[in-house]
Amino acid sequence: MKIEADQYRVNGYSEIERERLNLINSTYKTLEQLENYKNDTIHFEQQRAVNQVQQRVFQQALQGALGTLNTCLNNELHLRNISANIDMLGAMNKITD
């Protein structure tokens, strides 16, 4: 009977040790998964930040180009208006002569 009790005790200790090792392994796997999720999240956030910066730079470049284009067009329209006024003055001068 004593031998049988010792056998149960040894089996119980062995089972506890197996469960402890399983729990440690499971914890390491969970920690590894969490580390992977963390790294994926960091990568995602970095990529999102890069995309936002690229979008803002592109938007500012477009606004600058539009400003330059508008300035050029305004100058061209101004010159055309002056030219048209000169032509009208010339035509009026011919009429009054």
C-alpha atoms as a PDB file:
ATOM      1  CA  MET A   1       0.000   0.000   0.000  1.00  0.00           C
ATOM      2  CA  LYS A   2       2.848   2.329   0.824  1.00  0.00           C
ATOM      3  CA  ILE A   3       4.436   1.583  -2.533  1.00  0.00           C
ATOM      4  CA  GLU A   4       1.143   2.316  -4.229  1.00  0.00           C
ATOM      5  CA  ALA A   5       0.835   5.631  -2.365  1.00  0.00           C
ATOM      6  CA  ASP A   6       4.385   6.532  -3.337  1.00  0.00           C
ATOM      7  CA  GLN A   7       3.568   5.680  -6.947  1.00  0.00           C
ATOM      8  CA  TYR A   8       0.502   7.982  -6.888  1.00  0.00           C
ATOM      9  CA  ARG A   9       2.601  10.739  -5.341  1.00  0.00           C
ATOM     10  CA  VAL A  10       5.340  10.351  -7.988  1.00  0.00           C
ATOM     11  CA  ASN A  11       2.742  10.284 -10.763  1.00  0.00           C
ATOM     12  CA  GLY A  12       1.087  13.378  -9.274  1.00  0.00           C
ATOM     13  CA  TYR A  13       4.414  15.246  -9.149  1.00  0.00           C
ATOM     14  CA  SER A  14       5.161  14.198 -12.707  1.00  0.00           C
ATOM     15  CA  GLU A  15       1.753  15.438 -13.851  1.00  0.00           C
ATOM     16  CA  ILE A  16       2.247  18.738 -12.030  1.00  0.00           C
ATOM     17  CA  GLU A  17       5.676  19.159 -13.666  1.00  0.00           C
ATOM     18  CA  ARG A  18       4.227  18.427 -17.120  1.00  0.00           C
ATOM     19  CA  GLU A  19       1.452  20.969 -16.546  1.00  0.00           C
ATOM     20  CA  ARG A  20       3.990  23.520 -15.329  1.00  0.00           C
ATOM     21  CA  LEU A  21       6.123  23.024 -18.455  1.00  0.00           C
ATOM     22  CA  ASN A  22       3.044  23.220 -20.682  1.00  0.00           C
ATOM     23  CA  LEU A  23       2.024  26.462 -18.984  1.00  0.00           C
ATOM     24  CA  ILE A  24       5.539  27.918 -19.426  1.00  0.00           C
ATOM     25  CA  ASN A  25       5.572  26.932 -23.109  1.00  0.00           C
ATOM     26  CA  SER A  26       2.106  28.336 -23.631  1.00  0.00           C
ATOM     27  CA  THR A  27       3.136  31.590 -21.921  1.00  0.00           C
ATOM     28  CA  TYR A  28       6.220  31.899 -24.145  1.00  0.00           C
ATOM     29  CA  LYS A  29       4.108  31.330 -27.255  1.00  0.00           C
ATOM     30  CA  THR A  30       1.603  33.940 -26.119  1.00  0.00           C
ATOM     31  CA  LEU A  31       4.406  36.414 -25.410  1.00  0.00           C
ATOM     32  CA  GLU A  32       5.889  35.717 -28.834  1.00  0.00           C
ATOM     33  CA  GLN A  33       2.520  36.343 -30.493  1.00  0.00           C
ATOM     34  CA  LEU A  34       2.079  39.573 -28.541  1.00  0.00           C
ATOM     35  CA  GLU A  35       5.560  40.688 -29.606  1.00  0.00           C
ATOM     36  CA  ASN A  36       4.676  39.942 -33.228  1.00  0.00           C
ATOM     37  CA  TYR A  37       1.400  41.861 -32.923  1.00  0.00           C
ATOM     38  CA  LYS A  38       3.267  44.769 -31.346  1.00  0.00           C
ATOM     39  CA  ASN A  39       5.834  44.806 -34.152  1.00  0.00           C
ATOM     40  CA  ASP A  40       3.092  44.589 -36.788  1.00  0.00           C
ATOM     41  CA  THR A  41       1.254  47.480 -35.137  1.00  0.00           C
ATOM     42  CA  ILE A  42       4.424  49.581 -34.994  1.00  0.00           C
ATOM     43  CA  HIS A  43       5.132  48.825 -38.651  1.00  0.00           C
ATOM     44  CA  PHE A  44       1.556  49.700 -39.598  1.00  0.00           C
ATOM     45  CA  GLU A  45       1.672  52.993 -37.680  1.00  0.00           C
ATOM     46  CA  GLN A  46       5.042  53.886 -39.201  1.00  0.00           C
ATOM     47  CA  GLN A  47       3.718  53.186 -42.683  1.00  0.00           C
ATOM     48  CA  ARG A  48       0.614  55.234 -41.960  1.00  0.00           C
ATOM     49  CA  ALA A  49       2.760  58.151 -40.765  1.00  0.00           C
ATOM     50  CA  VAL A  50       4.951  57.919 -43.894  1.00  0.00           C
ATOM     51  CA  ASN A  51       1.837  57.884 -46.097  1.00  0.00           C
ATOM     52  CA  GLN A  52       0.434  60.932 -44.305  1.00  0.00           C
ATOM     53  CA  VAL A  53       3.710  62.823 -44.770  1.00  0.00           C
ATOM     54  CA  GLN A  54       3.869  61.853 -48.433  1.00  0.00           C
ATOM     55  CA  GLN A  55       0.284  62.981 -48.917  1.00  0.00           C
ATOM     56  CA  ARG A  56       0.950  66.320 -47.216  1.00  0.00           C
ATOM     57  CA  VAL A  57       4.140  66.925 -49.252  1.00  0.00           C
ATOM     58  CA  PHE A  58       2.287  66.071 -52.456  1.00  0.00           C
ATOM     59  CA  GLN A  59      -0.581  68.382 -51.479  1.00  0.00           C
ATOM     60  CA  GLN A  60       1.821  71.242 -50.732  1.00  0.00           C
ATOM     61  CA  ALA A  61       3.629  70.665 -54.025  1.00  0.00           C
ATOM     62  CA  LEU A  62       0.314  70.804 -55.885  1.00  0.00           C
ATOM     63  CA  GLN A  63      -0.679  73.987 -54.064  1.00  0.00           C
ATOM     64  CA  GLY A  64       2.679  75.549 -54.964  1.00  0.00           C
ATOM     65  CA  ALA A  65       2.299  74.554 -58.600  1.00  0.00           C
ATOM     66  CA  LEU A  66      -1.241  75.931 -58.649  1.00  0.00           C
ATOM     67  CA  GLY A  67      -0.037  79.217 -57.158  1.00  0.00           C
ATOM     68  CA  THR A  68       2.694  79.492 -59.778  1.00  0.00           C
ATOM     69  CA  LEU A  69       0.237  78.674 -62.540  1.00  0.00           C
ATOM     70  CA  ASN A  70      -2.256  81.255 -61.277  1.00  0.00           C
ATOM     71  CA  THR A  71       0.478  83.906 -61.066  1.00  0.00           C
ATOM     72  CA  CYS A  72       1.551  83.167 -64.630  1.00  0.00           C
ATOM     73  CA  LEU A  73      -2.036  83.239 -65.861  1.00  0.00           C
ATOM     74  CA  ASN A  74      -2.756  86.482 -64.025  1.00  0.00           C
ATOM     75  CA  ASN A  75       0.319  88.089 -65.597  1.00  0.00           C
ATOM     76  CA  GLU A  76      -0.697  86.812 -69.027  1.00  0.00           C
ATOM     77  CA  LEU A  77      -4.256  88.090 -68.589  1.00  0.00           C
ATOM     78  CA  HIS A  78      -2.921  91.422 -67.378  1.00  0.00           C
ATOM     79  CA  LEU A  79      -0.684  91.725 -70.444  1.00  0.00           C
ATOM     80  CA  ARG A  80      -3.561  90.757 -72.751  1.00  0.00           C
ATOM     81  CA  ASN A  81      -5.784  93.369 -71.101  1.00  0.00           C
ATOM     82  CA  ILE A  82      -3.125  96.058 -71.573  1.00  0.00           C
ATOM     83  CA  SER A  83      -2.672  94.997 -75.195  1.00  0.00           C
ATOM     84  CA  ALA A  84      -6.435  95.128 -75.800  1.00  0.00           C
ATOM     85  CA  ASN A  85      -6.615  98.597 -74.231  1.00  0.00           C
ATOM     86  CA  ILE A  86      -3.754  99.799 -76.429  1.00  0.00           C
ATOM     87  CA  ASP A  87      -5.508  98.394 -79.485  1.00  0.00           C
ATOM     88  CA  MET A  88      -8.750 100.185 -78.496  1.00  0.00           C
ATOM     89  CA  LEU A  89      -6.895 103.444 -77.925  1.00  0.00           C
ATOM     90  CA  GLY A  90      -5.239 103.034 -81.318  1.00  0.00           C
ATOM     91  CA  ALA A  91      -8.602 102.420 -82.952  1.00  0.00           C
ATOM     92  CA  MET A  92     -10.112 105.436 -81.183  1.00  0.00           C
ATOM     93  CA  ASN A  93      -7.161 107.551 -82.266  1.00  0.00           C
ATOM     94  CA  LYS A  94      -7.748 106.585 -85.875  1.00  0.00           C
ATOM     95  CA  ILE A  95     -11.430 107.479 -85.536  1.00  0.00           C
ATOM     96  CA  THR A  96     -10.685 110.890 -84.042  1.00  0.00           C
ATOM     97  CA  ASP A  97      -7.993 111.746 -86.581  1.00  0.00           C
END
